[in-house]
């Protein structure tokens, strides 16, 4: 059996949650979903999980679970699970960790993978719950911060997962792990260290027959070596020595890079002059996700790459080889002439 996963998670920033406590999930009638008309007899699977708010009938009144905490502290809150389906569904409710995927986007651990950070701090009164169609349940959650938790941002999510059977394009039965939920942000008190740097900067120059029309490929990685969430923008430029023939890409927004995570990026340039040396610069304008971090200075990284005018080099090499060939030929002809003169002298002497 093949395991496939579909993920839809609510992403945004909110103020610190109010705390509430309930001993067990409380089931009530859910508000109507705005999913539109449904064909008679069709099965609808639709649900949402959101933080509790001032109005429990509106799951969007708080967009995420955000807290300021201390190491060893305990946070109590509630989430609401809404079953908009027209059938009963069984859900698994659990916490997990977040990371930046290969494209730099916010992503979450697969359902079967155990969290090791903030997701492991989350406990619930029960992991599984079944809701009748059109009902909702208020579920208490507890976030217990370990005594040894590092200062700074810890990011994850609280998810509601419901599995269903489906068919893959090659007609195999698959289990779909459909998930939705809300982001979880915990800022642990202590010294904050915002640090976003460029690593693994590499430039490749591809020459052209026209020495003014080379192609450059730039690859690099932006890593968060600090302990707070950081974003901002990045800009790449390429130039000959002394800033000649400089080409600059438009500044591009960086995805939010989580602590300990990184994102692989690239840029390309056309019409780059073969100046012998190409100088690549990557400039980061860093912007913290939270205002209380303060101003973070920009970061710059540079590398030098050979950008040889291979057309001119080839012409010079061909000219040099031709000149050597001509000299060799002339030398050979001179040797033959000298040998002929010596032969004639010898014949005259014999006569």
C-alpha atoms as a PDB file:
ATOM      1  CA  UNK A   1       0.000   0.000   0.000  1.00  0.00           C
ATOM      2  CA  UNK A   2       1.272   3.435  -0.876  1.00  0.00           C
ATOM      3  CA  UNK A   3       0.965   6.326   1.559  1.00  0.00           C
ATOM      4  CA  UNK A   4       0.122   9.694   0.036  1.00  0.00           C
ATOM      5  CA  UNK A   5      -0.254  12.919   2.011  1.00  0.00           C
ATOM      6  CA  UNK A   6      -2.259  16.045   1.318  1.00  0.00           C
ATOM      7  CA  UNK A   7      -1.592  19.054   3.564  1.00  0.00           C
ATOM      8  CA  UNK A   8      -3.474  22.318   4.000  1.00  0.00           C
ATOM      9  CA  UNK A   9      -2.432  24.462   6.959  1.00  0.00           C
ATOM     10  CA  UNK A  10      -3.453  27.957   8.034  1.00  0.00           C
ATOM     11  CA  UNK A  11      -0.378  30.275   7.962  1.00  0.00           C
ATOM     12  CA  UNK A  12      -0.137  33.761   9.451  1.00  0.00           C
ATOM     13  CA  UNK A  13       0.778  35.704  12.560  1.00  0.00           C
ATOM     14  CA  UNK A  14      -1.402  36.498  15.552  1.00  0.00           C
ATOM     15  CA  UNK A  15      -1.109  38.063  18.984  1.00  0.00           C
ATOM     16  CA  UNK A  16      -0.558  35.956  22.108  1.00  0.00           C
ATOM     17  CA  UNK A  17      -3.487  33.667  22.815  1.00  0.00           C
ATOM     18  CA  UNK A  18      -5.808  33.994  25.768  1.00  0.00           C
ATOM     19  CA  UNK A  19      -5.683  30.929  27.998  1.00  0.00           C
ATOM     20  CA  UNK A  20      -8.644  28.693  28.741  1.00  0.00           C
ATOM     21  CA  UNK A  21      -9.071  25.210  30.119  1.00  0.00           C
ATOM     22  CA  UNK A  22     -11.551  22.397  29.552  1.00  0.00           C
ATOM     23  CA  UNK A  23     -11.248  18.817  30.794  1.00  0.00           C
ATOM     24  CA  UNK A  24     -12.567  17.081  27.655  1.00  0.00           C
ATOM     25  CA  UNK A  25     -13.504  17.954  24.055  1.00  0.00           C
ATOM     26  CA  UNK A  26     -16.958  19.499  23.931  1.00  0.00           C
ATOM     27  CA  UNK A  27     -19.087  18.704  20.901  1.00  0.00           C
ATOM     28  CA  UNK A  28     -21.609  21.248  19.580  1.00  0.00           C
ATOM     29  CA  UNK A  29     -23.239  22.081  16.266  1.00  0.00           C
ATOM     30  CA  UNK A  30     -20.774  23.489  13.723  1.00  0.00           C
ATOM     31  CA  UNK A  31     -21.508  26.623  11.662  1.00  0.00           C
ATOM     32  CA  UNK A  32     -22.277  26.043   8.000  1.00  0.00           C
ATOM     33  CA  UNK A  33     -19.356  25.930   5.617  1.00  0.00           C
ATOM     34  CA  UNK A  34     -19.345  28.169   2.551  1.00  0.00           C
ATOM     35  CA  UNK A  35     -18.271  25.307   0.305  1.00  0.00           C
ATOM     36  CA  UNK A  36     -21.139  25.860  -2.162  1.00  0.00           C
ATOM     37  CA  UNK A  37     -23.832  23.553  -3.514  1.00  0.00           C
ATOM     38  CA  UNK A  38     -23.353  19.786  -3.344  1.00  0.00           C
ATOM     39  CA  UNK A  39     -24.888  17.259  -5.717  1.00  0.00           C
ATOM     40  CA  UNK A  40     -27.570  15.017  -4.116  1.00  0.00           C
ATOM     41  CA  UNK A  41     -26.044  11.873  -2.638  1.00  0.00           C
ATOM     42  CA  UNK A  42     -22.463  13.165  -2.891  1.00  0.00           C
ATOM     43  CA  UNK A  43     -20.162  12.617   0.074  1.00  0.00           C
ATOM     44  CA  UNK A  44     -18.535  15.784   1.375  1.00  0.00           C
ATOM     45  CA  UNK A  45     -15.316  15.671   3.417  1.00  0.00           C
ATOM     46  CA  UNK A  46     -14.513  19.114   4.798  1.00  0.00           C
ATOM     47  CA  UNK A  47     -13.152  20.233   8.132  1.00  0.00           C
ATOM     48  CA  UNK A  48     -11.071  22.898   9.855  1.00  0.00           C
ATOM     49  CA  UNK A  49      -9.022  23.200  13.024  1.00  0.00           C
ATOM     50  CA  UNK A  50      -8.398  26.643  14.483  1.00  0.00           C
ATOM     51  CA  UNK A  51      -7.540  28.328  17.773  1.00  0.00           C
ATOM     52  CA  UNK A  52     -10.482  29.189  19.958  1.00  0.00           C
ATOM     53  CA  UNK A  53     -11.385  32.869  19.865  1.00  0.00           C
ATOM     54  CA  UNK A  54     -13.863  35.442  21.037  1.00  0.00           C
ATOM     55  CA  UNK A  55     -16.498  33.944  18.728  1.00  0.00           C
ATOM     56  CA  UNK A  56     -16.361  30.120  18.746  1.00  0.00           C
ATOM     57  CA  UNK A  57     -18.482  29.954  15.569  1.00  0.00           C
ATOM     58  CA  UNK A  58     -15.753  31.733  13.569  1.00  0.00           C
ATOM     59  CA  UNK A  59     -12.585  29.666  13.173  1.00  0.00           C
ATOM     60  CA  UNK A  60     -10.692  32.596  11.655  1.00  0.00           C
ATOM     61  CA  UNK A  61     -10.941  34.955  14.645  1.00  0.00           C
ATOM     62  CA  UNK A  62      -7.402  33.823  15.621  1.00  0.00           C
ATOM     63  CA  UNK A  63      -5.109  32.779  12.846  1.00  0.00           C
ATOM     64  CA  UNK A  64      -2.489  30.826  14.804  1.00  0.00           C
ATOM     65  CA  UNK A  65      -1.234  29.751  18.202  1.00  0.00           C
ATOM     66  CA  UNK A  66       1.430  32.268  19.278  1.00  0.00           C
ATOM     67  CA  UNK A  67       2.950  32.434  22.728  1.00  0.00           C
ATOM     68  CA  UNK A  68       5.756  34.005  24.732  1.00  0.00           C
ATOM     69  CA  UNK A  69       7.063  31.507  27.275  1.00  0.00           C
ATOM     70  CA  UNK A  70       9.903  30.700  29.630  1.00  0.00           C
ATOM     71  CA  UNK A  71      11.879  27.467  29.805  1.00  0.00           C
ATOM     72  CA  UNK A  72       9.991  25.095  32.092  1.00  0.00           C
ATOM     73  CA  UNK A  73       6.732  27.024  31.646  1.00  0.00           C
ATOM     74  CA  UNK A  74       3.306  25.614  30.761  1.00  0.00           C
ATOM     75  CA  UNK A  75       0.755  27.094  28.354  1.00  0.00           C
ATOM     76  CA  UNK A  76      -2.924  26.074  28.292  1.00  0.00           C
ATOM     77  CA  UNK A  77      -5.221  26.900  25.396  1.00  0.00           C
ATOM     78  CA  UNK A  78      -8.004  25.467  23.220  1.00  0.00           C
ATOM     79  CA  UNK A  79      -8.473  24.626  19.567  1.00  0.00           C
ATOM     80  CA  UNK A  80     -11.788  24.028  17.825  1.00  0.00           C
ATOM     81  CA  UNK A  81     -12.323  21.206  15.350  1.00  0.00           C
ATOM     82  CA  UNK A  82     -15.129  21.793  12.829  1.00  0.00           C
ATOM     83  CA  UNK A  83     -16.607  18.901  10.831  1.00  0.00           C
ATOM     84  CA  UNK A  84     -18.324  20.506   7.833  1.00  0.00           C
ATOM     85  CA  UNK A  85     -18.771  17.096   6.196  1.00  0.00           C
ATOM     86  CA  UNK A  86     -22.083  15.326   5.627  1.00  0.00           C
ATOM     87  CA  UNK A  87     -20.593  12.144   7.116  1.00  0.00           C
ATOM     88  CA  UNK A  88     -18.997  11.280  10.442  1.00  0.00           C
ATOM     89  CA  UNK A  89     -15.217  11.494  10.447  1.00  0.00           C
ATOM     90  CA  UNK A  90     -12.511  10.285  12.831  1.00  0.00           C
ATOM     91  CA  UNK A  91      -9.604  12.654  13.328  1.00  0.00           C
ATOM     92  CA  UNK A  92      -6.143  12.369  14.779  1.00  0.00           C
ATOM     93  CA  UNK A  93      -5.185  15.588  16.607  1.00  0.00           C
ATOM     94  CA  UNK A  94      -1.470  16.094  17.258  1.00  0.00           C
ATOM     95  CA  UNK A  95       1.428  18.531  17.347  1.00  0.00           C
ATOM     96  CA  UNK A  96       4.330  18.499  14.890  1.00  0.00           C
ATOM     97  CA  UNK A  97       7.455  20.441  13.909  1.00  0.00           C
ATOM     98  CA  UNK A  98       7.886  22.815  10.976  1.00  0.00           C
ATOM     99  CA  UNK A  99      10.803  23.192   8.574  1.00  0.00           C
ATOM    100  CA  UNK A 100      11.733  24.856   5.283  1.00  0.00           C
ATOM    101  CA  UNK A 101      11.428  22.450   2.361  1.00  0.00           C
ATOM    102  CA  UNK A 102      13.724  22.389  -0.687  1.00  0.00           C
ATOM    103  CA  UNK A 103      11.899  25.366  -2.199  1.00  0.00           C
ATOM    104  CA  UNK A 104      12.081  27.327   1.046  1.00  0.00           C
ATOM    105  CA  UNK A 105       8.361  27.030   1.757  1.00  0.00           C
ATOM    106  CA  UNK A 106       6.932  26.375   5.217  1.00  0.00           C
ATOM    107  CA  UNK A 107       6.422  22.620   5.597  1.00  0.00           C
ATOM    108  CA  UNK A 108       5.580  20.077   8.282  1.00  0.00           C
ATOM    109  CA  UNK A 109       6.850  16.648   9.221  1.00  0.00           C
ATOM    110  CA  UNK A 110       5.042  13.667   7.762  1.00  0.00           C
ATOM    111  CA  UNK A 111       2.354  12.255  10.024  1.00  0.00           C
ATOM    112  CA  UNK A 112       4.321   9.146  10.962  1.00  0.00           C
ATOM    113  CA  UNK A 113       7.473  11.089  11.887  1.00  0.00           C
ATOM    114  CA  UNK A 114       7.874  12.012  15.556  1.00  0.00           C
ATOM    115  CA  UNK A 115       8.578  15.674  16.352  1.00  0.00           C
ATOM    116  CA  UNK A 116      11.664  16.555  18.369  1.00  0.00           C
ATOM    117  CA  UNK A 117      11.017  20.263  19.011  1.00  0.00           C
ATOM    118  CA  UNK A 118       7.878  22.295  19.744  1.00  0.00           C
ATOM    119  CA  UNK A 119       5.556  19.617  18.347  1.00  0.00           C
ATOM    120  CA  UNK A 120       6.723  17.251  21.090  1.00  0.00           C
ATOM    121  CA  UNK A 121       5.781  19.831  23.716  1.00  0.00           C
ATOM    122  CA  UNK A 122       2.070  19.587  22.831  1.00  0.00           C
ATOM    123  CA  UNK A 123      -0.243  17.245  24.738  1.00  0.00           C
ATOM    124  CA  UNK A 124      -3.973  16.678  24.302  1.00  0.00           C
ATOM    125  CA  UNK A 125      -6.555  14.810  26.419  1.00  0.00           C
ATOM    126  CA  UNK A 126      -6.968  12.291  23.582  1.00  0.00           C
ATOM    127  CA  UNK A 127      -5.337  11.816  20.186  1.00  0.00           C
ATOM    128  CA  UNK A 128      -8.379  10.558  18.263  1.00  0.00           C
ATOM    129  CA  UNK A 129     -11.876  11.979  18.121  1.00  0.00           C
ATOM    130  CA  UNK A 130     -14.933  11.175  15.983  1.00  0.00           C
ATOM    131  CA  UNK A 131     -17.302  13.982  15.050  1.00  0.00           C
ATOM    132  CA  UNK A 132     -20.803  13.662  13.651  1.00  0.00           C
ATOM    133  CA  UNK A 133     -21.524  15.638  10.479  1.00  0.00           C
ATOM    134  CA  UNK A 134     -22.095  19.343  11.029  1.00  0.00           C
ATOM    135  CA  UNK A 135     -20.654  19.385  14.565  1.00  0.00           C
ATOM    136  CA  UNK A 136     -17.632  20.901  16.269  1.00  0.00           C
ATOM    137  CA  UNK A 137     -15.542  20.124  19.345  1.00  0.00           C
ATOM    138  CA  UNK A 138     -13.488  22.360  21.603  1.00  0.00           C
ATOM    139  CA  UNK A 139     -10.263  20.557  22.490  1.00  0.00           C
ATOM    140  CA  UNK A 140      -7.898  21.700  25.264  1.00  0.00           C
ATOM    141  CA  UNK A 141      -4.195  21.675  24.502  1.00  0.00           C
ATOM    142  CA  UNK A 142      -1.191  22.004  26.816  1.00  0.00           C
ATOM    143  CA  UNK A 143       2.213  23.222  25.634  1.00  0.00           C
ATOM    144  CA  UNK A 144       4.888  22.358  28.205  1.00  0.00           C
ATOM    145  CA  UNK A 145       8.255  24.017  27.496  1.00  0.00           C
ATOM    146  CA  UNK A 146      11.245  21.902  28.608  1.00  0.00           C
ATOM    147  CA  UNK A 147      13.663  23.370  31.130  1.00  0.00           C
ATOM    148  CA  UNK A 148      16.515  23.071  28.634  1.00  0.00           C
ATOM    149  CA  UNK A 149      14.666  24.683  25.707  1.00  0.00           C
ATOM    150  CA  UNK A 150      16.908  27.053  23.757  1.00  0.00           C
ATOM    151  CA  UNK A 151      15.913  30.743  23.720  1.00  0.00           C
ATOM    152  CA  UNK A 152      14.216  32.076  20.600  1.00  0.00           C
ATOM    153  CA  UNK A 153      11.566  30.883  18.164  1.00  0.00           C
ATOM    154  CA  UNK A 154      10.227  27.345  17.971  1.00  0.00           C
ATOM    155  CA  UNK A 155       7.805  26.684  15.129  1.00  0.00           C
ATOM    156  CA  UNK A 156       5.385  23.868  14.425  1.00  0.00           C
ATOM    157  CA  UNK A 157       1.655  23.241  14.088  1.00  0.00           C
ATOM    158  CA  UNK A 158      -1.329  21.538  15.657  1.00  0.00           C
ATOM    159  CA  UNK A 159      -3.040  19.391  13.036  1.00  0.00           C
ATOM    160  CA  UNK A 160      -6.255  17.464  12.463  1.00  0.00           C
ATOM    161  CA  UNK A 161      -5.684  14.466  10.224  1.00  0.00           C
ATOM    162  CA  UNK A 162      -8.297  12.222   8.617  1.00  0.00           C
ATOM    163  CA  UNK A 163      -7.345   9.253   6.467  1.00  0.00           C
ATOM    164  CA  UNK A 164      -9.265   8.012   3.445  1.00  0.00           C
ATOM    165  CA  UNK A 165      -8.791   5.393   0.740  1.00  0.00           C
ATOM    166  CA  UNK A 166      -8.144   6.513  -2.806  1.00  0.00           C
ATOM    167  CA  UNK A 167      -6.791   5.353  -6.145  1.00  0.00           C
ATOM    168  CA  UNK A 168      -3.477   6.416  -7.641  1.00  0.00           C
ATOM    169  CA  UNK A 169      -3.029   7.239 -11.365  1.00  0.00           C
ATOM    170  CA  UNK A 170      -1.776   3.668 -11.883  1.00  0.00           C
ATOM    171  CA  UNK A 171      -4.957   2.279 -10.229  1.00  0.00           C
ATOM    172  CA  UNK A 172      -3.284   1.252  -6.957  1.00  0.00           C
ATOM    173  CA  UNK A 173      -5.096   1.679  -3.655  1.00  0.00           C
ATOM    174  CA  UNK A 174      -3.530   4.439  -1.568  1.00  0.00           C
ATOM    175  CA  UNK A 175      -4.150   5.876   1.867  1.00  0.00           C
ATOM    176  CA  UNK A 176      -4.574   9.642   1.789  1.00  0.00           C
ATOM    177  CA  UNK A 177      -3.525  11.424   4.966  1.00  0.00           C
ATOM    178  CA  UNK A 178      -5.481  14.669   4.652  1.00  0.00           C
ATOM    179  CA  UNK A 179      -4.403  17.316   7.149  1.00  0.00           C
ATOM    180  CA  UNK A 180      -5.409  20.802   8.128  1.00  0.00           C
ATOM    181  CA  UNK A 181      -4.544  22.875  11.157  1.00  0.00           C
ATOM    182  CA  UNK A 182      -2.937  25.981  12.565  1.00  0.00           C
ATOM    183  CA  UNK A 183       0.649  27.140  12.991  1.00  0.00           C
ATOM    184  CA  UNK A 184       2.251  27.054  16.423  1.00  0.00           C
ATOM    185  CA  UNK A 185       4.801  29.720  17.430  1.00  0.00           C
ATOM    186  CA  UNK A 186       6.547  29.637  20.819  1.00  0.00           C
ATOM    187  CA  UNK A 187       9.122  32.316  21.702  1.00  0.00           C
ATOM    188  CA  UNK A 188      11.239  31.087  24.630  1.00  0.00           C
ATOM    189  CA  UNK A 189      12.691  33.900  26.737  1.00  0.00           C
ATOM    190  CA  UNK A 190      16.430  34.508  26.564  1.00  0.00           C
ATOM    191  CA  UNK A 191      19.065  36.207  24.390  1.00  0.00           C
ATOM    192  CA  UNK A 192      17.991  36.566  20.764  1.00  0.00           C
ATOM    193  CA  UNK A 193      20.508  35.989  17.993  1.00  0.00           C
ATOM    194  CA  UNK A 194      19.320  37.019  14.515  1.00  0.00           C
ATOM    195  CA  UNK A 195      21.787  35.718  11.914  1.00  0.00           C
ATOM    196  CA  UNK A 196      21.041  35.042   8.255  1.00  0.00           C
ATOM    197  CA  UNK A 197      24.027  34.261   6.034  1.00  0.00           C
ATOM    198  CA  UNK A 198      24.901  33.185   2.476  1.00  0.00           C
ATOM    199  CA  UNK A 199      26.760  29.881   2.104  1.00  0.00           C
ATOM    200  CA  UNK A 200      27.858  27.625  -0.758  1.00  0.00           C
ATOM    201  CA  UNK A 201      28.011  30.508  -3.250  1.00  0.00           C
ATOM    202  CA  UNK A 202      29.083  29.169  -6.636  1.00  0.00           C
ATOM    203  CA  UNK A 203      29.259  30.845 -10.056  1.00  0.00           C
ATOM    204  CA  UNK A 204      29.619  29.031 -13.393  1.00  0.00           C
ATOM    205  CA  UNK A 205      30.559  30.956 -16.530  1.00  0.00           C
ATOM    206  CA  UNK A 206      29.581  29.487 -19.914  1.00  0.00           C
ATOM    207  CA  UNK A 207      31.395  31.236 -22.779  1.00  0.00           C
ATOM    208  CA  UNK A 208      29.917  32.061 -26.172  1.00  0.00           C
ATOM    209  CA  UNK A 209      31.429  32.607 -29.623  1.00  0.00           C
ATOM    210  CA  UNK A 210      30.702  36.248 -28.919  1.00  0.00           C
ATOM    211  CA  UNK A 211      32.976  37.270 -25.998  1.00  0.00           C
ATOM    212  CA  UNK A 212      30.334  39.794 -24.939  1.00  0.00           C
ATOM    213  CA  UNK A 213      27.519  37.241 -24.707  1.00  0.00           C
ATOM    214  CA  UNK A 214      28.479  34.680 -22.057  1.00  0.00           C
ATOM    215  CA  UNK A 215      26.031  32.988 -19.683  1.00  0.00           C
ATOM    216  CA  UNK A 216      26.358  32.875 -15.893  1.00  0.00           C
ATOM    217  CA  UNK A 217      24.655  30.521 -13.444  1.00  0.00           C
ATOM    218  CA  UNK A 218      24.752  31.398  -9.729  1.00  0.00           C
ATOM    219  CA  UNK A 219      23.736  28.991  -6.956  1.00  0.00           C
ATOM    220  CA  UNK A 220      23.845  29.628  -3.211  1.00  0.00           C
ATOM    221  CA  UNK A 221      22.161  28.798   0.075  1.00  0.00           C
ATOM    222  CA  UNK A 222      20.691  31.175   2.651  1.00  0.00           C
ATOM    223  CA  UNK A 223      20.901  29.732   6.164  1.00  0.00           C
ATOM    224  CA  UNK A 224      19.416  30.889   9.444  1.00  0.00           C
ATOM    225  CA  UNK A 225      22.246  30.410  11.954  1.00  0.00           C
ATOM    226  CA  UNK A 226      20.370  32.335  14.648  1.00  0.00           C
ATOM    227  CA  UNK A 227      17.431  31.528  16.916  1.00  0.00           C
ATOM    228  CA  UNK A 228      14.635  33.723  15.510  1.00  0.00           C
ATOM    229  CA  UNK A 229      12.545  33.562  12.341  1.00  0.00           C
ATOM    230  CA  UNK A 230      13.995  35.765   9.615  1.00  0.00           C
ATOM    231  CA  UNK A 231      12.904  36.932   6.177  1.00  0.00           C
ATOM    232  CA  UNK A 232      13.773  39.878   3.974  1.00  0.00           C
ATOM    233  CA  UNK A 233      15.030  40.139   0.410  1.00  0.00           C
ATOM    234  CA  UNK A 234      18.022  39.019  -1.628  1.00  0.00           C
ATOM    235  CA  UNK A 235      19.724  40.574  -4.640  1.00  0.00           C
ATOM    236  CA  UNK A 236      22.376  39.094  -6.945  1.00  0.00           C
ATOM    237  CA  UNK A 237      24.794  40.991  -9.213  1.00  0.00           C
ATOM    238  CA  UNK A 238      27.639  40.060 -11.571  1.00  0.00           C
ATOM    239  CA  UNK A 239      30.404  42.380 -12.773  1.00  0.00           C
ATOM    240  CA  UNK A 240      33.868  42.566 -14.280  1.00  0.00           C
ATOM    241  CA  UNK A 241      36.763  43.931 -12.169  1.00  0.00           C
ATOM    242  CA  UNK A 242      36.334  47.547 -10.983  1.00  0.00           C
ATOM    243  CA  UNK A 243      32.543  47.164 -11.329  1.00  0.00           C
ATOM    244  CA  UNK A 244      32.608  47.265 -15.121  1.00  0.00           C
ATOM    245  CA  UNK A 245      29.753  45.766 -17.193  1.00  0.00           C
ATOM    246  CA  UNK A 246      27.738  45.200 -14.016  1.00  0.00           C
ATOM    247  CA  UNK A 247      24.420  43.363 -14.214  1.00  0.00           C
ATOM    248  CA  UNK A 248      22.030  43.288 -11.254  1.00  0.00           C
ATOM    249  CA  UNK A 249      18.905  41.228 -10.684  1.00  0.00           C
ATOM    250  CA  UNK A 250      15.858  42.827  -9.161  1.00  0.00           C
ATOM    251  CA  UNK A 251      15.628  42.240  -5.404  1.00  0.00           C
ATOM    252  CA  UNK A 252      13.496  39.175  -4.643  1.00  0.00           C
ATOM    253  CA  UNK A 253      11.640  38.477  -1.415  1.00  0.00           C
ATOM    254  CA  UNK A 254      13.068  35.708   0.731  1.00  0.00           C
ATOM    255  CA  UNK A 255      10.791  33.060   2.219  1.00  0.00           C
ATOM    256  CA  UNK A 256      10.668  33.106   6.007  1.00  0.00           C
ATOM    257  CA  UNK A 257      13.660  31.008   7.101  1.00  0.00           C
ATOM    258  CA  UNK A 258      13.190  29.177  10.388  1.00  0.00           C
ATOM    259  CA  UNK A 259      16.007  28.808  12.944  1.00  0.00           C
ATOM    260  CA  UNK A 260      18.419  26.068  11.925  1.00  0.00           C
ATOM    261  CA  UNK A 261      16.902  25.884   8.439  1.00  0.00           C
ATOM    262  CA  UNK A 262      18.004  27.078   4.998  1.00  0.00           C
ATOM    263  CA  UNK A 263      16.839  27.573   1.443  1.00  0.00           C
ATOM    264  CA  UNK A 264      18.661  26.883  -1.840  1.00  0.00           C
ATOM    265  CA  UNK A 265      18.477  29.722  -4.371  1.00  0.00           C
ATOM    266  CA  UNK A 266      19.794  30.472  -7.850  1.00  0.00           C
ATOM    267  CA  UNK A 267      20.060  33.218 -10.450  1.00  0.00           C
ATOM    268  CA  UNK A 268      21.138  33.392 -14.094  1.00  0.00           C
ATOM    269  CA  UNK A 269      22.530  36.145 -16.327  1.00  0.00           C
ATOM    270  CA  UNK A 270      22.812  36.423 -20.118  1.00  0.00           C
ATOM    271  CA  UNK A 271      25.070  38.715 -22.118  1.00  0.00           C
ATOM    272  CA  UNK A 272      27.939  38.640 -19.623  1.00  0.00           C
ATOM    273  CA  UNK A 273      31.269  39.925 -20.937  1.00  0.00           C
ATOM    274  CA  UNK A 274      34.239  37.551 -20.872  1.00  0.00           C
ATOM    275  CA  UNK A 275      36.369  39.898 -18.794  1.00  0.00           C
ATOM    276  CA  UNK A 276      38.776  37.303 -17.456  1.00  0.00           C
ATOM    277  CA  UNK A 277      37.268  37.444 -13.945  1.00  0.00           C
ATOM    278  CA  UNK A 278      33.582  37.634 -13.025  1.00  0.00           C
ATOM    279  CA  UNK A 279      32.708  38.968  -9.561  1.00  0.00           C
ATOM    280  CA  UNK A 280      29.435  37.725  -8.040  1.00  0.00           C
ATOM    281  CA  UNK A 281      27.793  39.557  -5.141  1.00  0.00           C
ATOM    282  CA  UNK A 282      24.779  38.395  -3.116  1.00  0.00           C
ATOM    283  CA  UNK A 283      23.251  40.958  -0.766  1.00  0.00           C
ATOM    284  CA  UNK A 284      20.730  40.050   1.946  1.00  0.00           C
ATOM    285  CA  UNK A 285      18.437  42.649   3.469  1.00  0.00           C
ATOM    286  CA  UNK A 286      17.288  40.878   6.637  1.00  0.00           C
ATOM    287  CA  UNK A 287      13.873  41.463   8.176  1.00  0.00           C
ATOM    288  CA  UNK A 288      12.848  39.670  11.396  1.00  0.00           C
ATOM    289  CA  UNK A 289       9.361  38.158  11.550  1.00  0.00           C
ATOM    290  CA  UNK A 290       8.769  39.831  14.925  1.00  0.00           C
ATOM    291  CA  UNK A 291       9.252  43.535  15.665  1.00  0.00           C
ATOM    292  CA  UNK A 292      10.873  42.997  19.061  1.00  0.00           C
ATOM    293  CA  UNK A 293      14.033  41.553  17.487  1.00  0.00           C
ATOM    294  CA  UNK A 294      15.230  44.972  16.345  1.00  0.00           C
ATOM    295  CA  UNK A 295      17.197  45.957  13.261  1.00  0.00           C
ATOM    296  CA  UNK A 296      19.404  43.287  11.682  1.00  0.00           C
ATOM    297  CA  UNK A 297      22.291  44.535   9.497  1.00  0.00           C
ATOM    298  CA  UNK A 298      22.450  43.509   5.855  1.00  0.00           C
ATOM    299  CA  UNK A 299      24.725  40.657   4.847  1.00  0.00           C
ATOM    300  CA  UNK A 300      26.886  40.380   1.723  1.00  0.00           C
ATOM    301  CA  UNK A 301      28.816  37.500   0.157  1.00  0.00           C
ATOM    302  CA  UNK A 302      31.198  37.575  -2.841  1.00  0.00           C
ATOM    303  CA  UNK A 303      33.002  35.108  -5.071  1.00  0.00           C
ATOM    304  CA  UNK A 304      35.395  35.340  -8.045  1.00  0.00           C
ATOM    305  CA  UNK A 305      35.089  33.155 -11.139  1.00  0.00           C
ATOM    306  CA  UNK A 306      37.168  32.826 -14.285  1.00  0.00           C
ATOM    307  CA  UNK A 307      35.336  34.340 -17.276  1.00  0.00           C
ATOM    308  CA  UNK A 308      37.799  33.733 -20.069  1.00  0.00           C
ATOM    309  CA  UNK A 309      37.179  34.985 -23.631  1.00  0.00           C
ATOM    310  CA  UNK A 310      37.606  31.532 -25.150  1.00  0.00           C
ATOM    311  CA  UNK A 311      36.994  32.796 -28.689  1.00  0.00           C
ATOM    312  CA  UNK A 312      39.951  35.185 -28.481  1.00  0.00           C
ATOM    313  CA  UNK A 313      42.031  32.536 -26.696  1.00  0.00           C
ATOM    314  CA  UNK A 314      41.193  30.032 -29.440  1.00  0.00           C
ATOM    315  CA  UNK A 315      42.208  32.540 -32.150  1.00  0.00           C
ATOM    316  CA  UNK A 316      45.506  33.289 -30.383  1.00  0.00           C
ATOM    317  CA  UNK A 317      46.172  29.596 -29.840  1.00  0.00           C
ATOM    318  CA  UNK A 318      45.429  28.812 -33.483  1.00  0.00           C
ATOM    319  CA  UNK A 319      47.683  31.678 -34.602  1.00  0.00           C
ATOM    320  CA  UNK A 320      50.482  30.470 -32.334  1.00  0.00           C
ATOM    321  CA  UNK A 321      50.168  26.904 -33.610  1.00  0.00           C
ATOM    322  CA  UNK A 322      50.159  28.137 -37.214  1.00  0.00           C
ATOM    323  CA  UNK A 323      53.247  30.274 -36.547  1.00  0.00           C
ATOM    324  CA  UNK A 324      55.065  27.296 -34.996  1.00  0.00           C
ATOM    325  CA  UNK A 325      54.085  25.128 -37.955  1.00  0.00           C
ATOM    326  CA  UNK A 326      55.428  27.711 -40.391  1.00  0.00           C
ATOM    327  CA  UNK A 327      58.692  28.041 -38.465  1.00  0.00           C
ATOM    328  CA  UNK A 328      59.035  24.279 -38.317  1.00  0.00           C
ATOM    329  CA  UNK A 329      58.390  24.019 -42.045  1.00  0.00           C
ATOM    330  CA  UNK A 330      60.916  26.736 -42.833  1.00  0.00           C
ATOM    331  CA  UNK A 331      63.460  25.072 -40.584  1.00  0.00           C
ATOM    332  CA  UNK A 332      62.894  21.769 -42.286  1.00  0.00           C
ATOM    333  CA  UNK A 333      63.269  23.355 -45.715  1.00  0.00           C
ATOM    334  CA  UNK A 334      66.484  25.059 -44.574  1.00  0.00           C
ATOM    335  CA  UNK A 335      67.896  21.729 -43.437  1.00  0.00           C
ATOM    336  CA  UNK A 336      67.065  20.204 -46.811  1.00  0.00           C
ATOM    337  CA  UNK A 337      68.757  23.102 -48.638  1.00  0.00           C
ATOM    338  CA  UNK A 338      71.878  22.779 -46.457  1.00  0.00           C
ATOM    339  CA  UNK A 339      71.974  19.061 -47.106  1.00  0.00           C
ATOM    340  CA  UNK A 340      71.673  19.674 -50.879  1.00  0.00           C
ATOM    341  CA  UNK A 341      74.543  22.194 -50.827  1.00  0.00           C
ATOM    342  CA  UNK A 342      76.754  19.749 -48.921  1.00  0.00           C
ATOM    343  CA  UNK A 343      75.952  17.015 -51.462  1.00  0.00           C
ATOM    344  CA  UNK A 344      76.907  19.277 -54.395  1.00  0.00           C
ATOM    345  CA  UNK A 345      80.169  20.281 -52.704  1.00  0.00           C
ATOM    346  CA  UNK A 346      81.040  16.635 -52.151  1.00  0.00           C
ATOM    347  CA  UNK A 347      80.340  15.789 -55.801  1.00  0.00           C
ATOM    348  CA  UNK A 348      82.582  18.642 -57.024  1.00  0.00           C
ATOM    349  CA  UNK A 349      85.350  17.483 -54.712  1.00  0.00           C
ATOM    350  CA  UNK A 350      85.203  13.970 -56.097  1.00  0.00           C
ATOM    351  CA  UNK A 351      85.353  15.302 -59.633  1.00  0.00           C
END
